[in-house]
Amino acid sequence: MEETLTLEQLIAAINSDDPDPRTAAWLAAGTVGAPAIKPTARISVEGELEVGRAAKRAMWKTVRTVGAPDAKAADKKAVIKELIAILLDGSRPEMLRRDVIWMLSEIGGQETIDAFYEIPDILEQDIREDARCCAERIPIEAAVKALKDALEEAPAALKPAIAHSLRVRGVEVPGVPCLKLVPTKGTTVEPVEK
């Protein structure tokens, strides 16, 4: 049985110099739920290396706890809301926002896809590939629509990756060659279109 922690106990243990309480804390972070997301996100960025790692593991543990089949829908929704707030905060470090995107790929749904539309110039940002992969993983029709919208707006260099994600989701994408079929060395052979 997992130990139950308060938010204050979790943060104190994660910030500990001793690795044993840090480990016990991140393993029990799922019992704290959504209130743990923002503080552990901050520590994951600002904390000393091992403390930061423990904080990131606590975030992941929280995500996986609320994403479990027997978890309460309200707990999952609360964690998604906290993660989206971090994602949409452009002042947050890129690596944290990337981690948050991958966390959302495990538990997100419509609200995650809606958040992608709120990220200004997502096709120009370094998080675009992570967002594309996240949309590919979320099993709802809105994710496919978001990928189709991105394909229409994307510069030519981004289109093959977005087309790949659509093909993974079962959508035919004529006119954009598969990345595996585009020659990488000089050749006179034309790329095969699917």
Protein backbone atom coordinates (compact mmCIF):
# COMPACT_ATOMS: atom_id res chain seq x y z
CA MET A 1 0.00 0.00 0.00
CA GLU A 2 1.29 3.47 -0.92
CA GLU A 3 2.09 5.87 1.88
CA THR A 4 -0.25 8.88 1.89
CA LEU A 5 1.48 12.26 2.02
CA THR A 6 0.34 15.83 2.41
CA LEU A 7 1.62 18.36 -0.11
CA GLU A 8 3.92 19.86 2.53
CA GLN A 9 5.40 16.44 3.37
CA LEU A 10 5.91 15.67 -0.32
CA ILE A 11 7.75 18.93 -1.02
CA ALA A 12 9.90 18.64 2.10
CA ALA A 13 10.90 15.06 1.28
CA ILE A 14 11.64 15.82 -2.38
CA ASN A 15 13.89 18.69 -1.29
CA SER A 16 15.73 16.41 1.15
CA ASP A 17 19.48 15.87 0.81
CA ASP A 18 18.88 12.20 1.62
CA PRO A 19 17.91 10.09 -1.42
CA ASP A 20 15.77 7.66 0.59
CA PRO A 21 13.06 10.16 1.61
CA ARG A 22 13.19 11.67 -1.91
CA THR A 23 12.51 8.27 -3.45
CA ALA A 24 9.73 7.46 -1.00
CA ALA A 25 8.20 10.88 -1.72
CA TRP A 26 8.05 10.60 -5.48
CA LEU A 27 6.74 7.06 -5.22
CA ALA A 28 3.86 8.36 -3.06
CA ALA A 29 3.26 11.57 -5.06
CA GLY A 30 0.17 10.12 -6.71
CA THR A 31 -1.66 10.27 -3.39
CA VAL A 32 -1.28 14.08 -3.33
CA GLY A 33 -2.79 14.55 -6.78
CA ALA A 34 -3.21 17.83 -8.68
CA PRO A 35 -1.91 20.14 -5.92
CA ALA A 36 1.52 18.52 -6.38
CA ILE A 37 1.89 19.44 -10.06
CA LYS A 38 2.90 23.12 -9.89
CA PRO A 39 5.31 22.83 -6.94
CA THR A 40 7.02 19.74 -8.34
CA ALA A 41 7.22 21.38 -11.78
CA ARG A 42 8.98 24.36 -10.21
CA ILE A 43 11.38 22.12 -8.26
CA SER A 44 12.09 20.02 -11.37
CA VAL A 45 13.47 23.15 -13.01
CA GLU A 46 15.03 24.97 -10.08
CA GLY A 47 16.19 22.11 -7.85
CA GLU A 48 19.63 20.56 -7.70
CA LEU A 49 20.03 17.73 -10.24
CA GLU A 50 18.84 14.78 -8.13
CA VAL A 51 16.15 16.84 -6.42
CA GLY A 52 14.93 17.99 -9.86
CA ARG A 53 14.82 14.41 -11.09
CA ALA A 54 12.80 13.34 -8.08
CA ALA A 55 10.37 16.21 -8.67
CA LYS A 56 9.89 15.21 -12.31
CA ARG A 57 9.34 11.60 -11.25
CA ALA A 58 6.72 12.86 -8.78
CA MET A 59 4.93 14.60 -11.65
CA TRP A 60 4.98 11.42 -13.71
CA LYS A 61 3.79 9.34 -10.75
CA THR A 62 0.87 11.74 -10.29
CA VAL A 63 -0.03 11.51 -13.99
CA ARG A 64 0.07 7.73 -13.98
CA THR A 65 -1.93 7.52 -10.76
CA VAL A 66 -4.79 9.65 -12.12
CA GLY A 67 -4.53 7.87 -15.48
CA ALA A 68 -5.11 4.44 -13.95
CA PRO A 69 -8.35 2.70 -14.95
CA ASP A 70 -9.74 2.85 -11.40
CA ALA A 71 -8.87 6.53 -10.80
CA LYS A 72 -11.52 9.18 -10.29
CA ALA A 73 -12.33 11.25 -13.39
CA ALA A 74 -12.33 14.46 -11.32
CA ASP A 75 -8.75 13.79 -10.14
CA LYS A 76 -7.61 13.22 -13.72
CA LYS A 77 -9.35 16.39 -14.90
CA ALA A 78 -7.68 18.43 -12.14
CA VAL A 79 -4.21 17.17 -13.08
CA ILE A 80 -4.84 17.86 -16.77
CA LYS A 81 -5.89 21.41 -15.89
CA GLU A 82 -2.64 21.99 -13.93
CA LEU A 83 -0.51 20.54 -16.74
CA ILE A 84 -2.21 22.68 -19.39
CA ALA A 85 -1.59 25.80 -17.29
CA ILE A 86 2.14 24.98 -17.32
CA LEU A 87 2.08 24.22 -21.06
CA LEU A 88 0.44 27.53 -21.93
CA ASP A 89 2.82 29.53 -19.72
CA GLY A 90 5.37 30.67 -22.29
CA SER A 91 7.75 31.75 -19.52
CA ARG A 92 8.29 28.11 -18.50
CA PRO A 93 11.43 26.38 -19.81
CA GLU A 94 11.03 24.51 -23.07
CA MET A 95 12.15 21.18 -21.57
CA LEU A 96 9.48 21.38 -18.86
CA ARG A 97 6.82 22.18 -21.46
CA ARG A 98 7.99 19.19 -23.53
CA ASP A 99 7.74 16.91 -20.50
CA VAL A 100 4.24 18.26 -19.83
CA ILE A 101 3.20 17.51 -23.42
CA TRP A 102 4.30 13.90 -23.02
CA MET A 103 2.45 13.68 -19.70
CA LEU A 104 -0.66 14.99 -21.42
CA SER A 105 -0.22 12.40 -24.17
CA GLU A 106 -0.95 9.76 -21.54
CA ILE A 107 -4.04 11.29 -19.93
CA GLY A 108 -5.18 14.17 -22.13
CA GLY A 109 -8.22 14.45 -24.32
CA GLN A 110 -10.23 17.26 -25.86
CA GLU A 111 -8.89 19.87 -23.43
CA THR A 112 -5.31 19.02 -24.45
CA ILE A 113 -6.07 19.42 -28.15
CA ASP A 114 -7.87 22.70 -27.42
CA ALA A 115 -4.76 23.90 -25.56
CA PHE A 116 -2.59 23.22 -28.61
CA TYR A 117 -4.67 25.73 -30.56
CA GLU A 118 -3.93 28.32 -27.86
CA ILE A 119 -0.14 28.05 -28.18
CA PRO A 120 0.89 30.99 -30.35
CA ASP A 121 2.88 30.02 -33.43
CA ILE A 122 3.12 26.38 -32.40
CA LEU A 123 4.40 25.44 -35.85
CA GLU A 124 7.35 27.78 -35.34
CA GLN A 125 8.21 26.63 -31.81
CA ASP A 126 10.57 23.91 -30.73
CA ILE A 127 7.75 22.02 -28.99
CA ARG A 128 5.88 21.37 -32.25
CA GLU A 129 7.27 17.84 -32.71
CA ASP A 130 6.28 16.86 -29.20
CA ALA A 131 2.80 18.31 -29.73
CA ARG A 132 2.48 16.39 -33.01
CA CYS A 133 3.43 13.12 -31.31
CA CYS A 134 1.03 13.85 -28.46
CA ALA A 135 -1.85 14.48 -30.88
CA GLU A 136 -0.97 11.23 -32.63
CA ARG A 137 -1.37 9.37 -29.32
CA ILE A 138 -4.64 10.90 -28.08
CA PRO A 139 -7.42 8.60 -29.31
CA ILE A 140 -10.08 11.17 -30.20
CA GLU A 141 -11.29 12.60 -33.50
CA ALA A 142 -10.33 16.14 -32.43
CA ALA A 143 -6.67 15.04 -32.43
CA VAL A 144 -6.97 13.94 -36.06
CA LYS A 145 -8.63 17.25 -36.93
CA ALA A 146 -5.80 19.15 -35.21
CA LEU A 147 -3.25 17.21 -37.25
CA LYS A 148 -5.18 17.95 -40.46
CA ASP A 149 -5.30 21.64 -39.54
CA ALA A 150 -1.56 21.63 -38.83
CA LEU A 151 -0.89 19.95 -42.19
CA GLU A 152 -2.71 22.74 -44.01
CA GLU A 153 -0.80 25.50 -42.20
CA ALA A 154 2.63 23.88 -41.95
CA PRO A 155 5.61 24.86 -44.07
CA ALA A 156 6.71 22.21 -46.58
CA ALA A 157 9.53 20.95 -44.34
CA LEU A 158 7.06 19.98 -41.59
CA LYS A 159 4.42 18.36 -43.77
CA PRO A 160 5.97 14.85 -44.04
CA ALA A 161 6.08 14.41 -40.24
CA ILE A 162 2.50 15.60 -39.82
CA ALA A 163 1.40 13.38 -42.72
CA HIS A 164 3.11 10.45 -40.97
CA SER A 165 1.06 11.09 -37.81
CA LEU A 166 -2.13 11.21 -39.87
CA ARG A 167 -1.23 7.96 -41.59
CA VAL A 168 -0.62 6.35 -38.19
CA ARG A 169 -4.18 7.41 -37.32
CA GLY A 170 -5.50 5.79 -40.51
CA VAL A 171 -5.90 8.91 -42.65
CA GLU A 172 -4.79 8.87 -46.28
CA VAL A 173 -2.58 11.83 -47.14
CA PRO A 174 -2.09 12.14 -50.87
CA GLY A 175 0.54 14.50 -52.22
CA VAL A 176 2.91 14.32 -49.25
CA PRO A 177 5.55 11.61 -49.58
CA CYS A 178 6.28 9.21 -46.76
CA LEU A 179 9.54 10.14 -45.04
CA LYS A 180 10.84 6.59 -45.50
CA LEU A 181 10.38 6.86 -49.26
CA VAL A 182 12.15 10.21 -49.75
CA PRO A 183 15.73 9.71 -50.97
CA THR A 184 18.41 10.94 -48.60
CA LYS A 185 21.27 10.91 -51.13
CA GLY A 186 21.50 12.43 -54.56
CA THR A 187 19.49 10.41 -57.04
CA THR A 188 17.43 10.79 -60.14
CA VAL A 189 14.68 8.62 -58.67
CA GLU A 190 11.55 10.59 -57.77
CA PRO A 191 10.01 10.06 -54.30
CA VAL A 192 7.11 7.64 -54.22
CA GLU A 193 3.84 9.25 -53.19
CA LYS A 194 1.34 7.34 -51.16
